[in-house]
Amino acid sequence: MTRTYYSEDHEWITVNEDEGTVGITEYAQSQLGDVVFVELPEVGAVLSKGDDAAVVESVKAASELYAPVTGEVTAVNHSVVEEPSLVNTAPMDDGWFFTLKLTDPSELDEMMDEEAYEAYVKDLG
């Protein structure tokens, strides 16, 4: 079963079995503005939960994307490097950043589901 989880740092991870696809949320991309540069981790990199995983630069600011869970990077989305605007136009689809093979799936229990994340964002104002 595929399920999507959200972090307080505005990352999402869609998990199918022990593999997760990671990106930033609609809210995050709207706060950044027009994305002009994306730097992704190397395939094979082992990331711990909370590690700096990627860099997103926009016309407004540069921001880190953090690993929402611990795992090994199994693929990266070269399309967002070549066309950073995908992060703005399709942050939950074609604008994904990388995939991870999860080391500790129990870390997902600390993340929010879509309903909780929407409430969290609403409380931010």
PDB file of N, CA and C in Angstrom:
ATOM      1  N   MET A   1       0.835  -1.182   0.000  1.00  0.00           N
ATOM      2  CA  MET A   1       0.000   0.000   0.000  1.00  0.00           C
ATOM      3  C   MET A   1       0.886   1.253   0.000  1.00  0.00           C
ATOM      4  N   THR A   2       0.566   2.198  -0.853  1.00  0.00           N
ATOM      5  CA  THR A   2       1.296   3.451  -0.948  1.00  0.00           C
ATOM      6  C   THR A   2       0.662   4.471  -0.008  1.00  0.00           C
ATOM      7  N   ARG A   3       1.517   5.166   0.744  1.00  0.00           N
ATOM      8  CA  ARG A   3       1.024   6.159   1.695  1.00  0.00           C
ATOM      9  C   ARG A   3       1.989   7.345   1.725  1.00  0.00           C
ATOM     10  N   THR A   4       1.451   8.559   1.868  1.00  0.00           N
ATOM     11  CA  THR A   4       2.266   9.768   1.900  1.00  0.00           C
ATOM     12  C   THR A   4       2.287  10.340   3.313  1.00  0.00           C
ATOM     13  N   TYR A   5       3.485  10.749   3.733  1.00  0.00           N
ATOM     14  CA  TYR A   5       3.714  11.333   5.049  1.00  0.00           C
ATOM     15  C   TYR A   5       4.347  12.711   4.850  1.00  0.00           C
ATOM     16  N   TYR A   6       4.181  13.576   5.872  1.00  0.00           N
ATOM     17  CA  TYR A   6       4.660  14.950   5.787  1.00  0.00           C
ATOM     18  C   TYR A   6       5.452  15.306   7.039  1.00  0.00           C
ATOM     19  N   SER A   7       6.486  16.169   6.846  1.00  0.00           N
ATOM     20  CA  SER A   7       7.289  16.625   7.979  1.00  0.00           C
ATOM     21  C   SER A   7       6.945  18.075   8.309  1.00  0.00           C
ATOM     22  N   GLU A   8       7.344  18.514   9.502  1.00  0.00           N
ATOM     23  CA  GLU A   8       7.156  19.910   9.893  1.00  0.00           C
ATOM     24  C   GLU A   8       8.034  20.836   9.063  1.00  0.00           C
ATOM     25  N   ASP A   9       9.053  20.275   8.396  1.00  0.00           N
ATOM     26  CA  ASP A   9       9.932  21.059   7.527  1.00  0.00           C
ATOM     27  C   ASP A   9       9.397  21.130   6.100  1.00  0.00           C
ATOM     28  N   HIS A  10       8.198  20.616   5.880  1.00  0.00           N
ATOM     29  CA  HIS A  10       7.489  20.693   4.596  1.00  0.00           C
ATOM     30  C   HIS A  10       8.054  19.773   3.517  1.00  0.00           C
ATOM     31  N   GLU A  11       8.614  18.646   3.950  1.00  0.00           N
ATOM     32  CA  GLU A  11       8.958  17.590   3.001  1.00  0.00           C
ATOM     33  C   GLU A  11       7.832  16.565   3.013  1.00  0.00           C
ATOM     34  N   TRP A  12       7.700  15.874   1.897  1.00  0.00           N
ATOM     35  CA  TRP A  12       6.777  14.747   1.838  1.00  0.00           C
ATOM     36  C   TRP A  12       7.559  13.519   1.420  1.00  0.00           C
ATOM     37  N   ILE A  13       7.047  12.367   1.831  1.00  0.00           N
ATOM     38  CA  ILE A  13       7.603  11.091   1.392  1.00  0.00           C
ATOM     39  C   ILE A  13       6.438  10.150   1.123  1.00  0.00           C
ATOM     40  N   THR A  14       6.414   9.634  -0.087  1.00  0.00           N
ATOM     41  CA  THR A  14       5.400   8.648  -0.453  1.00  0.00           C
ATOM     42  C   THR A  14       6.070   7.285  -0.421  1.00  0.00           C
ATOM     43  N   VAL A  15       5.552   6.411   0.430  1.00  0.00           N
ATOM     44  CA  VAL A  15       6.200   5.130   0.705  1.00  0.00           C
ATOM     45  C   VAL A  15       5.394   3.984   0.111  1.00  0.00           C
ATOM     46  N   ASN A  16       6.116   3.089  -0.565  1.00  0.00           N
ATOM     47  CA  ASN A  16       5.560   1.837  -1.061  1.00  0.00           C
ATOM     48  C   ASN A  16       6.515   0.750  -0.594  1.00  0.00           C
ATOM     49  N   GLU A  17       6.053  -0.081   0.336  1.00  0.00           N
ATOM     50  CA  GLU A  17       6.866  -1.102   0.987  1.00  0.00           C
ATOM     51  C   GLU A  17       8.040  -0.433   1.690  1.00  0.00           C
ATOM     52  N   ASP A  18       9.297  -0.674   1.275  1.00  0.00           N
ATOM     53  CA  ASP A  18      10.432  -0.074   1.984  1.00  0.00           C
ATOM     54  C   ASP A  18      11.137   0.988   1.146  1.00  0.00           C
ATOM     55  N   GLU A  19      10.444   1.523   0.139  1.00  0.00           N
ATOM     56  CA  GLU A  19      11.012   2.546  -0.739  1.00  0.00           C
ATOM     57  C   GLU A  19      10.147   3.806  -0.635  1.00  0.00           C
ATOM     58  N   GLY A  20      10.810   4.960  -0.517  1.00  0.00           N
ATOM     59  CA  GLY A  20      10.076   6.208  -0.414  1.00  0.00           C
ATOM     60  C   GLY A  20      10.581   7.238  -1.405  1.00  0.00           C
ATOM     61  N   THR A  21       9.656   8.004  -1.975  1.00  0.00           N
ATOM     62  CA  THR A  21       9.975   9.108  -2.875  1.00  0.00           C
ATOM     63  C   THR A  21       9.796  10.402  -2.095  1.00  0.00           C
ATOM     64  N   VAL A  22      10.788  11.309  -2.189  1.00  0.00           N
ATOM     65  CA  VAL A  22      10.837  12.510  -1.353  1.00  0.00           C
ATOM     66  C   VAL A  22      10.766  13.774  -2.205  1.00  0.00           C
ATOM     67  N   GLY A  23      10.052  14.778  -1.695  1.00  0.00           N
ATOM     68  CA  GLY A  23       9.982  16.078  -2.345  1.00  0.00           C
ATOM     69  C   GLY A  23       9.560  17.122  -1.339  1.00  0.00           C
ATOM     70  N   ILE A  24       9.282  18.336  -1.830  1.00  0.00           N
ATOM     71  CA  ILE A  24       8.764  19.386  -0.960  1.00  0.00           C
ATOM     72  C   ILE A  24       7.289  19.610  -1.267  1.00  0.00           C
ATOM     73  N   THR A  25       6.584  20.126  -0.294  1.00  0.00           N
ATOM     74  CA  THR A  25       5.139  20.286  -0.418  1.00  0.00           C
ATOM     75  C   THR A  25       4.766  21.514  -1.241  1.00  0.00           C
ATOM     76  N   GLU A  26       3.507  21.556  -1.595  1.00  0.00           N
ATOM     77  CA  GLU A  26       2.936  22.712  -2.284  1.00  0.00           C
ATOM     78  C   GLU A  26       3.172  23.977  -1.462  1.00  0.00           C
ATOM     79  N   TYR A  27       2.967  23.876  -0.157  1.00  0.00           N
ATOM     80  CA  TYR A  27       3.175  25.024   0.727  1.00  0.00           C
ATOM     81  C   TYR A  27       4.627  25.503   0.652  1.00  0.00           C
ATOM     82  N   ALA A  28       5.577  24.574   0.729  1.00  0.00           N
ATOM     83  CA  ALA A  28       6.998  24.931   0.700  1.00  0.00           C
ATOM     84  C   ALA A  28       7.373  25.635  -0.599  1.00  0.00           C
ATOM     85  N   GLN A  29       6.926  25.094  -1.721  1.00  0.00           N
ATOM     86  CA  GLN A  29       7.286  25.720  -2.994  1.00  0.00           C
ATOM     87  C   GLN A  29       6.653  27.103  -3.122  1.00  0.00           C
ATOM     88  N   SER A  30       5.450  27.279  -2.570  1.00  0.00           N
ATOM     89  CA  SER A  30       4.801  28.589  -2.655  1.00  0.00           C
ATOM     90  C   SER A  30       5.536  29.620  -1.804  1.00  0.00           C
ATOM     91  N   GLN A  31       6.125  29.177  -0.684  1.00  0.00           N
ATOM     92  CA  GLN A  31       6.898  30.079   0.173  1.00  0.00           C
ATOM     93  C   GLN A  31       8.236  30.444  -0.465  1.00  0.00           C
ATOM     94  N   LEU A  32       8.806  29.512  -1.219  1.00  0.00           N
ATOM     95  CA  LEU A  32      10.095  29.752  -1.879  1.00  0.00           C
ATOM     96  C   LEU A  32       9.978  30.710  -3.058  1.00  0.00           C
ATOM     97  N   GLY A  33       8.879  30.621  -3.787  1.00  0.00           N
ATOM     98  CA  GLY A  33       8.768  31.377  -5.027  1.00  0.00           C
ATOM     99  C   GLY A  33       9.376  30.578  -6.168  1.00  0.00           C
ATOM    100  N   ASP A  34       9.721  31.256  -7.244  1.00  0.00           N
ATOM    101  CA  ASP A  34      10.220  30.566  -8.440  1.00  0.00           C
ATOM    102  C   ASP A  34      11.551  29.885  -8.167  1.00  0.00           C
ATOM    103  N   VAL A  35      11.556  28.544  -8.268  1.00  0.00           N
ATOM    104  CA  VAL A  35      12.765  27.759  -8.042  1.00  0.00           C
ATOM    105  C   VAL A  35      13.657  27.860  -9.281  1.00  0.00           C
ATOM    106  N   VAL A  36      14.943  28.181  -9.049  1.00  0.00           N
ATOM    107  CA  VAL A  36      15.878  28.378 -10.155  1.00  0.00           C
ATOM    108  C   VAL A  36      17.042  27.386 -10.147  1.00  0.00           C
ATOM    109  N   PHE A  37      17.215  26.649  -9.042  1.00  0.00           N
ATOM    110  CA  PHE A  37      18.330  25.719  -8.930  1.00  0.00           C
ATOM    111  C   PHE A  37      17.994  24.628  -7.929  1.00  0.00           C
ATOM    112  N   VAL A  38      18.362  23.383  -8.265  1.00  0.00           N
ATOM    113  CA  VAL A  38      18.185  22.256  -7.353  1.00  0.00           C
ATOM    114  C   VAL A  38      19.473  21.438  -7.361  1.00  0.00           C
ATOM    115  N   GLU A  39      19.946  21.094  -6.168  1.00  0.00           N
ATOM    116  CA  GLU A  39      21.101  20.202  -6.023  1.00  0.00           C
ATOM    117  C   GLU A  39      20.633  18.972  -5.260  1.00  0.00           C
ATOM    118  N   LEU A  40      20.888  17.790  -5.810  1.00  0.00           N
ATOM    119  CA  LEU A  40      20.399  16.542  -5.250  1.00  0.00           C
ATOM    120  C   LEU A  40      21.537  15.732  -4.627  1.00  0.00           C
ATOM    121  N   PRO A  41      21.197  14.792  -3.744  1.00  0.00           N
ATOM    122  CA  PRO A  41      22.228  13.922  -3.177  1.00  0.00           C
ATOM    123  C   PRO A  41      22.711  12.913  -4.226  1.00  0.00           C
ATOM    124  N   GLU A  42      23.815  12.262  -3.934  1.00  0.00           N
ATOM    125  CA  GLU A  42      24.341  11.220  -4.815  1.00  0.00           C
ATOM    126  C   GLU A  42      23.595   9.916  -4.578  1.00  0.00           C
ATOM    127  N   VAL A  43      23.348   9.165  -5.647  1.00  0.00           N
ATOM    128  CA  VAL A  43      22.806   7.816  -5.491  1.00  0.00           C
ATOM    129  C   VAL A  43      23.815   7.017  -4.677  1.00  0.00           C
ATOM    130  N   GLY A  44      23.314   6.288  -3.698  1.00  0.00           N
ATOM    131  CA  GLY A  44      24.179   5.505  -2.819  1.00  0.00           C
ATOM    132  C   GLY A  44      24.485   6.201  -1.513  1.00  0.00           C
ATOM    133  N   ALA A  45      24.202   7.513  -1.430  1.00  0.00           N
ATOM    134  CA  ALA A  45      24.428   8.240  -0.176  1.00  0.00           C
ATOM    135  C   ALA A  45      23.501   7.686   0.899  1.00  0.00           C
ATOM    136  N   VAL A  46      24.031   7.548   2.101  1.00  0.00           N
ATOM    137  CA  VAL A  46      23.222   7.111   3.236  1.00  0.00           C
ATOM    138  C   VAL A  46      22.904   8.344   4.065  1.00  0.00           C
ATOM    139  N   LEU A  47      21.614   8.613   4.209  1.00  0.00           N
ATOM    140  CA  LEU A  47      21.147   9.792   4.932  1.00  0.00           C
ATOM    141  C   LEU A  47      20.474   9.373   6.229  1.00  0.00           C
ATOM    142  N   SER A  48      20.765  10.087   7.281  1.00  0.00           N
ATOM    143  CA  SER A  48      20.055   9.894   8.544  1.00  0.00           C
ATOM    144  C   SER A  48      18.916  10.893   8.603  1.00  0.00           C
ATOM    145  N   LYS A  49      17.878  10.543   9.315  1.00  0.00           N
ATOM    146  CA  LYS A  49      16.745  11.446   9.468  1.00  0.00           C
ATOM    147  C   LYS A  49      17.242  12.809   9.935  1.00  0.00           C
ATOM    148  N   GLY A  50      16.835  13.875   9.224  1.00  0.00           N
ATOM    149  CA  GLY A  50      17.204  15.236   9.573  1.00  0.00           C
ATOM    150  C   GLY A  50      18.456  15.743   8.877  1.00  0.00           C
ATOM    151  N   ASP A  51      19.193  14.849   8.196  1.00  0.00           N
ATOM    152  CA  ASP A  51      20.386  15.287   7.462  1.00  0.00           C
ATOM    153  C   ASP A  51      20.012  16.215   6.316  1.00  0.00           C
ATOM    154  N   ASP A  52      20.921  17.132   5.981  1.00  0.00           N
ATOM    155  CA  ASP A  52      20.777  17.917   4.764  1.00  0.00           C
ATOM    156  C   ASP A  52      20.825  16.945   3.596  1.00  0.00           C
ATOM    157  N   ALA A  53      19.809  16.977   2.746  1.00  0.00           N
ATOM    158  CA  ALA A  53      19.739  16.004   1.653  1.00  0.00           C
ATOM    159  C   ALA A  53      19.825  16.667   0.286  1.00  0.00           C
ATOM    160  N   ALA A  54      19.287  17.879   0.161  1.00  0.00           N
ATOM    161  CA  ALA A  54      19.266  18.571  -1.124  1.00  0.00           C
ATOM    162  C   ALA A  54      19.215  20.074  -0.864  1.00  0.00           C
ATOM    163  N   VAL A  55      19.497  20.836  -1.914  1.00  0.00           N
ATOM    164  CA  VAL A  55      19.440  22.292  -1.831  1.00  0.00           C
ATOM    165  C   VAL A  55      18.460  22.780  -2.891  1.00  0.00           C
ATOM    166  N   VAL A  56      17.616  23.723  -2.489  1.00  0.00           N
ATOM    167  CA  VAL A  56      16.669  24.346  -3.408  1.00  0.00           C
ATOM    168  C   VAL A  56      16.899  25.845  -3.337  1.00  0.00           C
ATOM    169  N   GLU A  57      17.170  26.460  -4.493  1.00  0.00           N
ATOM    170  CA  GLU A  57      17.343  27.906  -4.530  1.00  0.00           C
ATOM    171  C   GLU A  57      16.235  28.509  -5.377  1.00  0.00           C
ATOM    172  N   SER A  58      15.715  29.610  -4.871  1.00  0.00           N
ATOM    173  CA  SER A  58      14.665  30.315  -5.594  1.00  0.00           C
ATOM    174  C   SER A  58      15.080  31.765  -5.751  1.00  0.00           C
ATOM    175  N   VAL A  59      14.231  32.542  -6.395  1.00  0.00           N
ATOM    176  CA  VAL A  59      14.514  33.967  -6.530  1.00  0.00           C
ATOM    177  C   VAL A  59      14.475  34.657  -5.165  1.00  0.00           C
ATOM    178  N   LYS A  60      13.824  34.035  -4.174  1.00  0.00           N
ATOM    179  CA  LYS A  60      13.706  34.619  -2.843  1.00  0.00           C
ATOM    180  C   LYS A  60      14.798  34.152  -1.879  1.00  0.00           C
ATOM    181  N   ALA A  61      15.149  32.857  -1.925  1.00  0.00           N
ATOM    182  CA  ALA A  61      16.034  32.304  -0.892  1.00  0.00           C
ATOM    183  C   ALA A  61      16.604  30.960  -1.310  1.00  0.00           C
ATOM    184  N   ALA A  62      17.594  30.526  -0.558  1.00  0.00           N
ATOM    185  CA  ALA A  62      18.102  29.158  -0.688  1.00  0.00           C
ATOM    186  C   ALA A  62      17.620  28.386   0.531  1.00  0.00           C
ATOM    187  N   SER A  63      17.282  27.135   0.341  1.00  0.00           N
ATOM    188  CA  SER A  63      16.735  26.339   1.426  1.00  0.00           C
ATOM    189  C   SER A  63      17.263  24.921   1.343  1.00  0.00           C
ATOM    190  N   GLU A  64      17.394  24.295   2.497  1.00  0.00           N
ATOM    191  CA  GLU A  64      17.795  22.891   2.558  1.00  0.00           C
ATOM    192  C   GLU A  64      16.562  22.012   2.559  1.00  0.00           C
ATOM    193  N   LEU A  65      16.678  20.868   1.934  1.00  0.00           N
ATOM    194  CA  LEU A  65      15.670  19.823   2.065  1.00  0.00           C
ATOM    195  C   LEU A  65      16.316  18.771   2.943  1.00  0.00           C
ATOM    196  N   TYR A  66      15.627  18.383   4.010  1.00  0.00           N
ATOM    197  CA  TYR A  66      16.160  17.436   4.975  1.00  0.00           C
ATOM    198  C   TYR A  66      15.606  16.045   4.708  1.00  0.00           C
ATOM    199  N   ALA A  67      16.400  15.044   5.031  1.00  0.00           N
ATOM    200  CA  ALA A  67      15.933  13.666   4.903  1.00  0.00           C
ATOM    201  C   ALA A  67      14.822  13.444   5.932  1.00  0.00           C
ATOM    202  N   PRO A  68      13.613  13.096   5.477  1.00  0.00           N
ATOM    203  CA  PRO A  68      12.517  12.904   6.428  1.00  0.00           C
ATOM    204  C   PRO A  68      12.656  11.618   7.240  1.00  0.00           C
ATOM    205  N   VAL A  69      13.417  10.660   6.717  1.00  0.00           N
ATOM    206  CA  VAL A  69      13.684   9.388   7.385  1.00  0.00           C
ATOM    207  C   VAL A  69      15.103   8.940   7.020  1.00  0.00           C
ATOM    208  N   THR A  70      15.584   7.912   7.688  1.00  0.00           N
ATOM    209  CA  THR A  70      16.900   7.354   7.423  1.00  0.00           C
ATOM    210  C   THR A  70      16.819   6.354   6.278  1.00  0.00           C
ATOM    211  N   GLY A  71      17.809   6.420   5.382  1.00  0.00           N
ATOM    212  CA  GLY A  71      17.827   5.454   4.293  1.00  0.00           C
ATOM    213  C   GLY A  71      18.933   5.733   3.298  1.00  0.00           C
ATOM    214  N   GLU A  72      19.008   4.872   2.291  1.00  0.00           N
ATOM    215  CA  GLU A  72      20.000   5.004   1.225  1.00  0.00           C
ATOM    216  C   GLU A  72      19.331   5.543  -0.027  1.00  0.00           C
ATOM    217  N   VAL A  73      19.940   6.563  -0.634  1.00  0.00           N
ATOM    218  CA  VAL A  73      19.409   7.158  -1.862  1.00  0.00           C
ATOM    219  C   VAL A  73      19.548   6.132  -2.992  1.00  0.00           C
ATOM    220  N   THR A  74      18.417   5.794  -3.612  1.00  0.00           N
ATOM    221  CA  THR A  74      18.420   4.791  -4.680  1.00  0.00           C
ATOM    222  C   THR A  74      18.224   5.404  -6.066  1.00  0.00           C
ATOM    223  N   ALA A  75      17.703   6.621  -6.128  1.00  0.00           N
ATOM    224  CA  ALA A  75      17.508   7.301  -7.412  1.00  0.00           C
ATOM    225  C   ALA A  75      17.350   8.788  -7.150  1.00  0.00           C
ATOM    226  N   VAL A  76      17.697   9.588  -8.161  1.00  0.00           N
ATOM    227  CA  VAL A  76      17.474  11.036  -8.093  1.00  0.00           C
ATOM    228  C   VAL A  76      16.727  11.463  -9.348  1.00  0.00           C
ATOM    229  N   ASN A  77      16.010  12.562  -9.238  1.00  0.00           N
ATOM    230  CA  ASN A  77      15.216  13.079 -10.353  1.00  0.00           C
ATOM    231  C   ASN A  77      16.015  14.157 -11.093  1.00  0.00           C
ATOM    232  N   HIS A  78      16.741  13.740 -12.116  1.00  0.00           N
ATOM    233  CA  HIS A  78      17.555  14.688 -12.884  1.00  0.00           C
ATOM    234  C   HIS A  78      16.693  15.755 -13.568  1.00  0.00           C
ATOM    235  N   SER A  79      15.423  15.482 -13.769  1.00  0.00           N
ATOM    236  CA  SER A  79      14.536  16.449 -14.426  1.00  0.00           C
ATOM    237  C   SER A  79      14.443  17.754 -13.648  1.00  0.00           C
ATOM    238  N   VAL A  80      14.459  17.682 -12.297  1.00  0.00           N
ATOM    239  CA  VAL A  80      14.351  18.929 -11.521  1.00  0.00           C
ATOM    240  C   VAL A  80      15.655  19.715 -11.531  1.00  0.00           C
ATOM    241  N   VAL A  81      16.772  19.047 -11.829  1.00  0.00           N
ATOM    242  CA  VAL A  81      18.045  19.751 -11.972  1.00  0.00           C
ATOM    243  C   VAL A  81      18.048  20.503 -13.306  1.00  0.00           C
ATOM    244  N   GLU A  82      17.581  19.815 -14.343  1.00  0.00           N
ATOM    245  CA  GLU A  82      17.539  20.409 -15.683  1.00  0.00           C
ATOM    246  C   GLU A  82      16.425  21.437 -15.825  1.00  0.00           C
ATOM    247  N   GLU A  83      15.325  21.229 -15.128  1.00  0.00           N
ATOM    248  CA  GLU A  83      14.156  22.117 -15.206  1.00  0.00           C
ATOM    249  C   GLU A  83      13.616  22.369 -13.791  1.00  0.00           C
ATOM    250  N   PRO A  84      14.294  23.228 -13.000  1.00  0.00           N
ATOM    251  CA  PRO A  84      13.904  23.468 -11.610  1.00  0.00           C
ATOM    252  C   PRO A  84      12.454  23.920 -11.426  1.00  0.00           C
ATOM    253  N   SER A  85      11.861  24.526 -12.455  1.00  0.00           N
ATOM    254  CA  SER A  85      10.480  25.007 -12.335  1.00  0.00           C
ATOM    255  C   SER A  85       9.490  23.865 -12.085  1.00  0.00           C
ATOM    256  N   LEU A  86       9.892  22.619 -12.335  1.00  0.00           N
ATOM    257  CA  LEU A  86       9.018  21.478 -12.025  1.00  0.00           C
ATOM    258  C   LEU A  86       8.660  21.436 -10.540  1.00  0.00           C
ATOM    259  N   VAL A  87       9.570  21.937  -9.704  1.00  0.00           N
ATOM    260  CA  VAL A  87       9.304  21.973  -8.264  1.00  0.00           C
ATOM    261  C   VAL A  87       8.109  22.887  -7.986  1.00  0.00           C
ATOM    262  N   ASN A  88       7.953  23.956  -8.785  1.00  0.00           N
ATOM    263  CA  ASN A  88       6.821  24.867  -8.616  1.00  0.00           C
ATOM    264  C   ASN A  88       5.552  24.336  -9.256  1.00  0.00           C
ATOM    265  N   THR A  89       5.676  23.765 -10.438  1.00  0.00           N
ATOM    266  CA  THR A  89       4.476  23.380 -11.188  1.00  0.00           C
ATOM    267  C   THR A  89       3.913  22.029 -10.765  1.00  0.00           C
ATOM    268  N   ALA A  90       4.764  21.134 -10.244  1.00  0.00           N
ATOM    269  CA  ALA A  90       4.294  19.792  -9.877  1.00  0.00           C
ATOM    270  C   ALA A  90       5.075  19.249  -8.684  1.00  0.00           C
ATOM    271  N   PRO A  91       5.031  19.948  -7.530  1.00  0.00           N
ATOM    272  CA  PRO A  91       5.864  19.532  -6.395  1.00  0.00           C
ATOM    273  C   PRO A  91       5.542  18.138  -5.859  1.00  0.00           C
ATOM    274  N   MET A  92       4.323  17.685  -6.040  1.00  0.00           N
ATOM    275  CA  MET A  92       3.931  16.373  -5.525  1.00  0.00           C
ATOM    276  C   MET A  92       3.969  15.288  -6.606  1.00  0.00           C
ATOM    277  N   ASP A  93       4.367  15.651  -7.810  1.00  0.00           N
ATOM    278  CA  ASP A  93       4.393  14.693  -8.914  1.00  0.00           C
ATOM    279  C   ASP A  93       5.769  14.699  -9.581  1.00  0.00           C
ATOM    280  N   ASP A  94       5.878  15.349 -10.742  1.00  0.00           N
ATOM    281  CA  ASP A  94       7.129  15.364 -11.501  1.00  0.00           C
ATOM    282  C   ASP A  94       8.249  16.123 -10.796  1.00  0.00           C
ATOM    283  N   GLY A  95       7.929  16.910  -9.783  1.00  0.00           N
ATOM    284  CA  GLY A  95       8.926  17.699  -9.066  1.00  0.00           C
ATOM    285  C   GLY A  95       9.551  16.995  -7.876  1.00  0.00           C
ATOM    286  N   TRP A  96       9.475  15.659  -7.825  1.00  0.00           N
ATOM    287  CA  TRP A  96      10.094  14.912  -6.724  1.00  0.00           C
ATOM    288  C   TRP A  96      11.619  15.039  -6.799  1.00  0.00           C
ATOM    289  N   PHE A  97      12.302  14.766  -5.687  1.00  0.00           N
ATOM    290  CA  PHE A  97      13.752  14.959  -5.610  1.00  0.00           C
ATOM    291  C   PHE A  97      14.545  13.651  -5.686  1.00  0.00           C
ATOM    292  N   PHE A  98      14.229  12.707  -4.801  1.00  0.00           N
ATOM    293  CA  PHE A  98      14.991  11.459  -4.772  1.00  0.00           C
ATOM    294  C   PHE A  98      14.173  10.354  -4.111  1.00  0.00           C
ATOM    295  N   THR A  99      14.653   9.119  -4.277  1.00  0.00           N
ATOM    296  CA  THR A  99      14.032   7.986  -3.599  1.00  0.00           C
ATOM    297  C   THR A  99      15.023   7.410  -2.594  1.00  0.00           C
ATOM    298  N   LEU A 100      14.471   6.840  -1.535  1.00  0.00           N
ATOM    299  CA  LEU A 100      15.254   6.242  -0.455  1.00  0.00           C
ATOM    300  C   LEU A 100      14.794   4.823  -0.203  1.00  0.00           C
ATOM    301  N   LYS A 101      15.731   3.944   0.090  1.00  0.00           N
ATOM    302  CA  LYS A 101      15.402   2.633   0.654  1.00  0.00           C
ATOM    303  C   LYS A 101      15.436   2.843   2.165  1.00  0.00           C
ATOM    304  N   LEU A 102      14.274   2.738   2.807  1.00  0.00           N
ATOM    305  CA  LEU A 102      14.145   3.043   4.225  1.00  0.00           C
ATOM    306  C   LEU A 102      14.918   2.043   5.081  1.00  0.00           C
ATOM    307  N   THR A 103      15.660   2.570   6.047  1.00  0.00           N
ATOM    308  CA  THR A 103      16.396   1.749   6.999  1.00  0.00           C
ATOM    309  C   THR A 103      15.535   1.441   8.217  1.00  0.00           C
ATOM    310  N   ASP A 104      14.747   2.443   8.652  1.00  0.00           N
ATOM    311  CA  ASP A 104      13.938   2.312   9.869  1.00  0.00           C
ATOM    312  C   ASP A 104      12.531   2.850   9.615  1.00  0.00           C
ATOM    313  N   PRO A 105      11.656   2.013   9.043  1.00  0.00           N
ATOM    314  CA  PRO A 105      10.297   2.481   8.720  1.00  0.00           C
ATOM    315  C   PRO A 105       9.513   3.019   9.924  1.00  0.00           C
ATOM    316  N   SER A 106       9.913   2.668  11.148  1.00  0.00           N
ATOM    317  CA  SER A 106       9.192   3.176  12.321  1.00  0.00           C
ATOM    318  C   SER A 106       9.325   4.693  12.438  1.00  0.00           C
ATOM    319  N   GLU A 107      10.332   5.300  11.775  1.00  0.00           N
ATOM    320  CA  GLU A 107      10.466   6.760  11.791  1.00  0.00           C
ATOM    321  C   GLU A 107       9.266   7.448  11.148  1.00  0.00           C
ATOM    322  N   LEU A 108       8.563   6.743  10.286  1.00  0.00           N
ATOM    323  CA  LEU A 108       7.370   7.311   9.648  1.00  0.00           C
ATOM    324  C   LEU A 108       6.283   7.625  10.671  1.00  0.00           C
ATOM    325  N   ASP A 109       6.295   6.898  11.797  1.00  0.00           N
ATOM    326  CA  ASP A 109       5.286   7.110  12.840  1.00  0.00           C
ATOM    327  C   ASP A 109       5.358   8.512  13.434  1.00  0.00           C
ATOM    328  N   GLU A 110       6.519   9.176  13.293  1.00  0.00           N
ATOM    329  CA  GLU A 110       6.709  10.525  13.840  1.00  0.00           C
ATOM    330  C   GLU A 110       6.252  11.605  12.861  1.00  0.00           C
ATOM    331  N   MET A 111       5.845  11.207  11.653  1.00  0.00           N
ATOM    332  CA  MET A 111       5.437  12.169  10.635  1.00  0.00           C
ATOM    333  C   MET A 111       3.922  12.332  10.613  1.00  0.00           C
ATOM    334  N   MET A 112       3.453  13.328   9.871  1.00  0.00           N
ATOM    335  CA  MET A 112       2.020  13.622   9.792  1.00  0.00           C
ATOM    336  C   MET A 112       1.393  13.002   8.549  1.00  0.00           C
ATOM    337  N   ASP A 113       0.105  12.686   8.652  1.00  0.00           N
ATOM    338  CA  ASP A 113      -0.639  12.310   7.451  1.00  0.00           C
ATOM    339  C   ASP A 113      -1.121  13.609   6.798  1.00  0.00           C
ATOM    340  N   GLU A 114      -1.791  13.492   5.658  1.00  0.00           N
ATOM    341  CA  GLU A 114      -2.199  14.691   4.913  1.00  0.00           C
ATOM    342  C   GLU A 114      -3.105  15.603   5.734  1.00  0.00           C
ATOM    343  N   GLU A 115      -4.054  15.031   6.434  1.00  0.00           N
ATOM    344  CA  GLU A 115      -4.994  15.829   7.228  1.00  0.00           C
ATOM    345  C   GLU A 115      -4.272  16.613   8.330  1.00  0.00           C
ATOM    346  N   ALA A 116      -3.360  15.950   9.027  1.00  0.00           N
ATOM    347  CA  ALA A 116      -2.606  16.613  10.099  1.00  0.00           C
ATOM    348  C   ALA A 116      -1.693  17.699   9.518  1.00  0.00           C
ATOM    349  N   TYR A 117      -1.100  17.427   8.361  1.00  0.00           N
ATOM    350  CA  TYR A 117      -0.220  18.416   7.736  1.00  0.00           C
ATOM    351  C   TYR A 117      -1.022  19.644   7.302  1.00  0.00           C
ATOM    352  N   GLU A 118      -2.196  19.434   6.721  1.00  0.00           N
ATOM    353  CA  GLU A 118      -3.028  20.573   6.295  1.00  0.00           C
ATOM    354  C   GLU A 118      -3.401  21.426   7.492  1.00  0.00           C
ATOM    355  N   ALA A 119      -3.709  20.808   8.620  1.00  0.00           N
ATOM    356  CA  ALA A 119      -4.026  21.554   9.839  1.00  0.00           C
ATOM    357  C   ALA A 119      -2.793  22.310  10.334  1.00  0.00           C
ATOM    358  N   TYR A 120      -1.635  21.678  10.252  1.00  0.00           N
ATOM    359  CA  TYR A 120      -0.370  22.303  10.661  1.00  0.00           C
ATOM    360  C   TYR A 120      -0.094  23.559   9.830  1.00  0.00           C
ATOM    361  N   VAL A 121      -0.247  23.455   8.516  1.00  0.00           N
ATOM    362  CA  VAL A 121      -0.001  24.591   7.623  1.00  0.00           C
ATOM    363  C   VAL A 121      -1.018  25.698   7.881  1.00  0.00           C
ATOM    364  N   LYS A 122      -2.247  25.316   8.103  1.00  0.00           N
ATOM    365  CA  LYS A 122      -3.300  26.320   8.368  1.00  0.00           C
ATOM    366  C   LYS A 122      -2.963  27.116   9.623  1.00  0.00           C
ATOM    367  N   ASP A 123      -2.415  26.437  10.649  1.00  0.00           N
ATOM    368  CA  ASP A 123      -2.029  27.109  11.887  1.00  0.00           C
ATOM    369  C   ASP A 123      -0.846  28.048  11.708  1.00  0.00           C
ATOM    370  N   LEU A 124      -0.091  27.877  10.633  1.00  0.00           N
ATOM    371  CA  LEU A 124       1.055  28.752  10.375  1.00  0.00           C
ATOM    372  C   LEU A 124       0.607  30.132   9.898  1.00  0.00           C
ATOM    373  N   GLY A 125      -0.651  30.192   9.482  1.00  0.00           N
ATOM    374  CA  GLY A 125      -1.198  31.481   9.082  1.00  0.00           C
ATOM    375  C   GLY A 125      -1.238  31.581   7.608  1.00  0.00           C
TER     376      GLY A 125
END
